[in-house]
């Protein structure tokens, strides 16, 4: 998901039974995102262990609440806080500093394409309105093509 989509999520946007988060994307369209079992477990853990504490401060309907008390905010997590949390986790995990939330999104597109070879699957998961944006994940290098041909 894009950071802006994550910040717009509300509690009512979670369908635990179907494992789907529905969010408003660029242009105002609603995009359902299938979520892995591990992802839904992480959201459940967040709701049970962390969100209640922040809910006392904010009384907000947002799914993800900001841990910081901003007197001018509405309690929603914002892209800047996402970047801060990302950088902390990235550094703790020893991940390269050039990796960003957007590179993780790109990595998901690459992963889906490698697993399925299906541009439509990438398009659906990344919320691309136009399949031409998803085609970038199907690029193949000359060396990769030669290897495939040699294996035939």
Protein backbone atom coordinates (compact mmCIF):
# COMPACT_ATOMS: atom_id res chain seq x y z
CA UNK A 1 0.00 0.00 0.00
CA UNK A 2 0.99 3.58 -0.42
CA UNK A 3 1.66 5.55 2.77
CA UNK A 4 -1.28 7.84 2.06
CA UNK A 5 -3.57 4.81 1.82
CA UNK A 6 -2.31 3.45 5.13
CA UNK A 7 -2.96 6.77 6.86
CA UNK A 8 -6.53 6.88 5.55
CA UNK A 9 -7.50 3.42 6.88
CA UNK A 10 -10.26 3.26 9.49
CA UNK A 11 -11.23 0.41 11.78
CA UNK A 12 -14.31 -0.30 9.66
CA UNK A 13 -12.05 -0.89 6.63
CA UNK A 14 -10.82 -4.23 8.02
CA UNK A 15 -12.55 -7.45 7.01
CA UNK A 16 -10.92 -10.04 9.26
CA UNK A 17 -12.91 -12.94 7.83
CA UNK A 18 -11.92 -12.26 4.22
CA UNK A 19 -8.47 -10.82 5.20
CA UNK A 20 -9.00 -7.62 3.24
CA UNK A 21 -8.23 -3.97 3.95
CA UNK A 22 -10.20 -1.52 1.82
CA UNK A 23 -8.72 1.91 1.34
CA UNK A 24 -9.22 5.03 -0.71
CA UNK A 25 -6.49 5.36 -3.32
CA UNK A 26 -5.33 8.11 -5.63
CA UNK A 27 -8.30 9.54 -7.49
CA UNK A 28 -10.77 8.51 -4.80
CA UNK A 29 -11.31 4.90 -5.86
CA UNK A 30 -11.71 2.23 -3.18
CA UNK A 31 -9.09 -0.51 -3.42
CA UNK A 32 -9.45 -3.83 -1.56
CA UNK A 33 -6.07 -5.22 -0.52
CA UNK A 34 -5.79 -8.92 0.32
CA UNK A 35 -3.62 -9.32 3.43
CA UNK A 36 -1.56 -12.35 4.43
CA UNK A 37 -2.35 -14.34 7.58
CA UNK A 38 0.83 -12.95 9.13
CA UNK A 39 -0.20 -9.39 8.23
CA UNK A 40 -3.65 -9.81 9.76
CA UNK A 41 -2.09 -11.31 12.90
CA UNK A 42 0.17 -8.25 13.16
CA UNK A 43 -2.85 -5.93 12.84
CA UNK A 44 -4.70 -7.94 15.51
CA UNK A 45 -1.67 -7.72 17.81
CA UNK A 46 -1.49 -3.96 17.23
CA UNK A 47 -5.19 -3.56 18.02
CA UNK A 48 -4.93 -5.66 21.19
CA UNK A 49 -1.60 -4.43 22.51
CA UNK A 50 -0.93 -0.89 21.29
CA UNK A 51 -3.91 0.90 19.78
CA UNK A 52 -5.99 0.95 22.98
CA UNK A 53 -3.38 3.13 24.69
CA UNK A 54 -3.38 5.66 21.82
CA UNK A 55 -7.19 5.49 21.51
CA UNK A 56 -7.47 6.97 25.01
CA UNK A 57 -5.63 10.07 23.76
CA UNK A 58 -7.33 10.42 20.40
CA UNK A 59 -10.82 8.89 20.39
CA UNK A 60 -10.40 8.43 16.62
CA UNK A 61 -11.77 5.96 14.06
CA UNK A 62 -8.43 5.65 12.26
CA UNK A 63 -6.92 2.17 12.21
CA UNK A 64 -3.39 3.36 12.89
CA UNK A 65 -3.02 6.08 15.49
CA UNK A 66 -0.04 8.28 16.07
CA UNK A 67 1.87 7.55 19.26
CA UNK A 68 2.89 11.23 19.43
CA UNK A 69 0.58 13.79 20.99
CA UNK A 70 0.15 16.48 18.35
CA UNK A 71 -2.26 19.15 19.60
CA UNK A 72 -3.04 20.12 15.99
CA UNK A 73 -3.50 16.56 14.72
CA UNK A 74 -6.48 14.24 14.61
CA UNK A 75 -4.62 11.20 15.89
CA UNK A 76 -4.05 9.60 12.51
CA UNK A 77 -0.69 8.20 11.72
CA UNK A 78 0.89 10.44 9.07
CA UNK A 79 3.46 9.72 6.36
CA UNK A 80 6.25 11.42 8.34
CA UNK A 81 5.66 9.13 11.32
CA UNK A 82 5.56 6.13 8.97
CA UNK A 83 8.98 7.17 7.64
CA UNK A 84 10.34 7.53 11.19
CA UNK A 85 9.07 4.10 12.23
CA UNK A 86 10.31 2.60 8.96
CA UNK A 87 13.80 4.03 9.51
CA UNK A 88 13.95 2.73 13.07
CA UNK A 89 12.90 -0.80 12.08
CA UNK A 90 15.14 -0.74 8.99
CA UNK A 91 18.16 0.29 11.08
CA UNK A 92 17.38 -2.29 13.78
CA UNK A 93 17.11 -5.02 11.13
CA UNK A 94 20.34 -3.93 9.43
CA UNK A 95 18.62 -3.19 6.11
CA UNK A 96 20.35 -0.86 3.63
CA UNK A 97 19.63 2.81 4.25
CA UNK A 98 18.46 3.31 0.65
CA UNK A 99 15.44 1.07 1.25
CA UNK A 100 12.23 3.06 1.70
CA UNK A 101 8.55 2.25 2.21
CA UNK A 102 8.13 2.68 -1.54
CA UNK A 103 10.95 0.22 -2.27
CA UNK A 104 9.10 -2.30 -0.06
CA UNK A 105 5.99 -1.73 -2.20
CA UNK A 106 8.10 -2.27 -5.31
CA UNK A 107 9.55 -5.41 -3.75
CA UNK A 108 6.03 -6.77 -3.29
CA UNK A 109 5.36 -6.23 -7.00
CA UNK A 110 8.58 -8.07 -7.90
CA UNK A 111 7.74 -10.90 -5.49
CA UNK A 112 4.24 -11.39 -6.92
CA UNK A 113 5.56 -11.32 -10.48
CA UNK A 114 8.29 -13.86 -9.68
CA UNK A 115 5.80 -16.17 -7.93
CA UNK A 116 2.96 -15.92 -10.43
CA UNK A 117 4.22 -14.39 -13.67
CA UNK A 118 0.83 -12.68 -13.71
CA UNK A 119 0.69 -8.94 -14.42
CA UNK A 120 -2.98 -8.84 -13.33
CA UNK A 121 -2.00 -10.13 -9.87
CA UNK A 122 0.57 -7.34 -9.54
CA UNK A 123 -1.97 -4.80 -10.76
CA UNK A 124 -4.57 -5.92 -8.25
CA UNK A 125 -2.26 -6.05 -5.25
CA UNK A 126 -0.55 -2.73 -5.95
CA UNK A 127 -3.79 -0.97 -6.88
CA UNK A 128 -2.67 0.16 -10.32
CA UNK A 129 -5.58 1.43 -12.40
CA UNK A 130 -3.63 0.89 -15.60
CA UNK A 131 -1.90 -2.44 -16.25
CA UNK A 132 0.94 -0.62 -18.04
CA UNK A 133 2.23 0.46 -14.61
CA UNK A 134 2.32 -3.17 -13.54
CA UNK A 135 4.20 -4.27 -16.65
CA UNK A 136 7.43 -2.79 -15.26
CA UNK A 137 7.58 -5.80 -12.94
CA UNK A 138 7.73 -8.17 -15.91
CA UNK A 139 10.98 -6.79 -17.28
CA UNK A 140 13.67 -9.32 -17.98
CA UNK A 141 17.35 -8.75 -18.60
CA UNK A 142 19.17 -10.13 -21.63
CA UNK A 143 21.20 -12.41 -19.35
CA UNK A 144 18.02 -13.77 -17.74
CA UNK A 145 16.49 -14.39 -21.16
CA UNK A 146 19.64 -16.18 -22.37
CA UNK A 147 19.63 -18.39 -19.27
CA UNK A 148 15.99 -19.32 -19.85
CA UNK A 149 16.68 -20.12 -23.50
CA UNK A 150 19.73 -22.21 -22.57
CA UNK A 151 17.62 -24.24 -20.13
CA UNK A 152 15.16 -25.18 -22.86
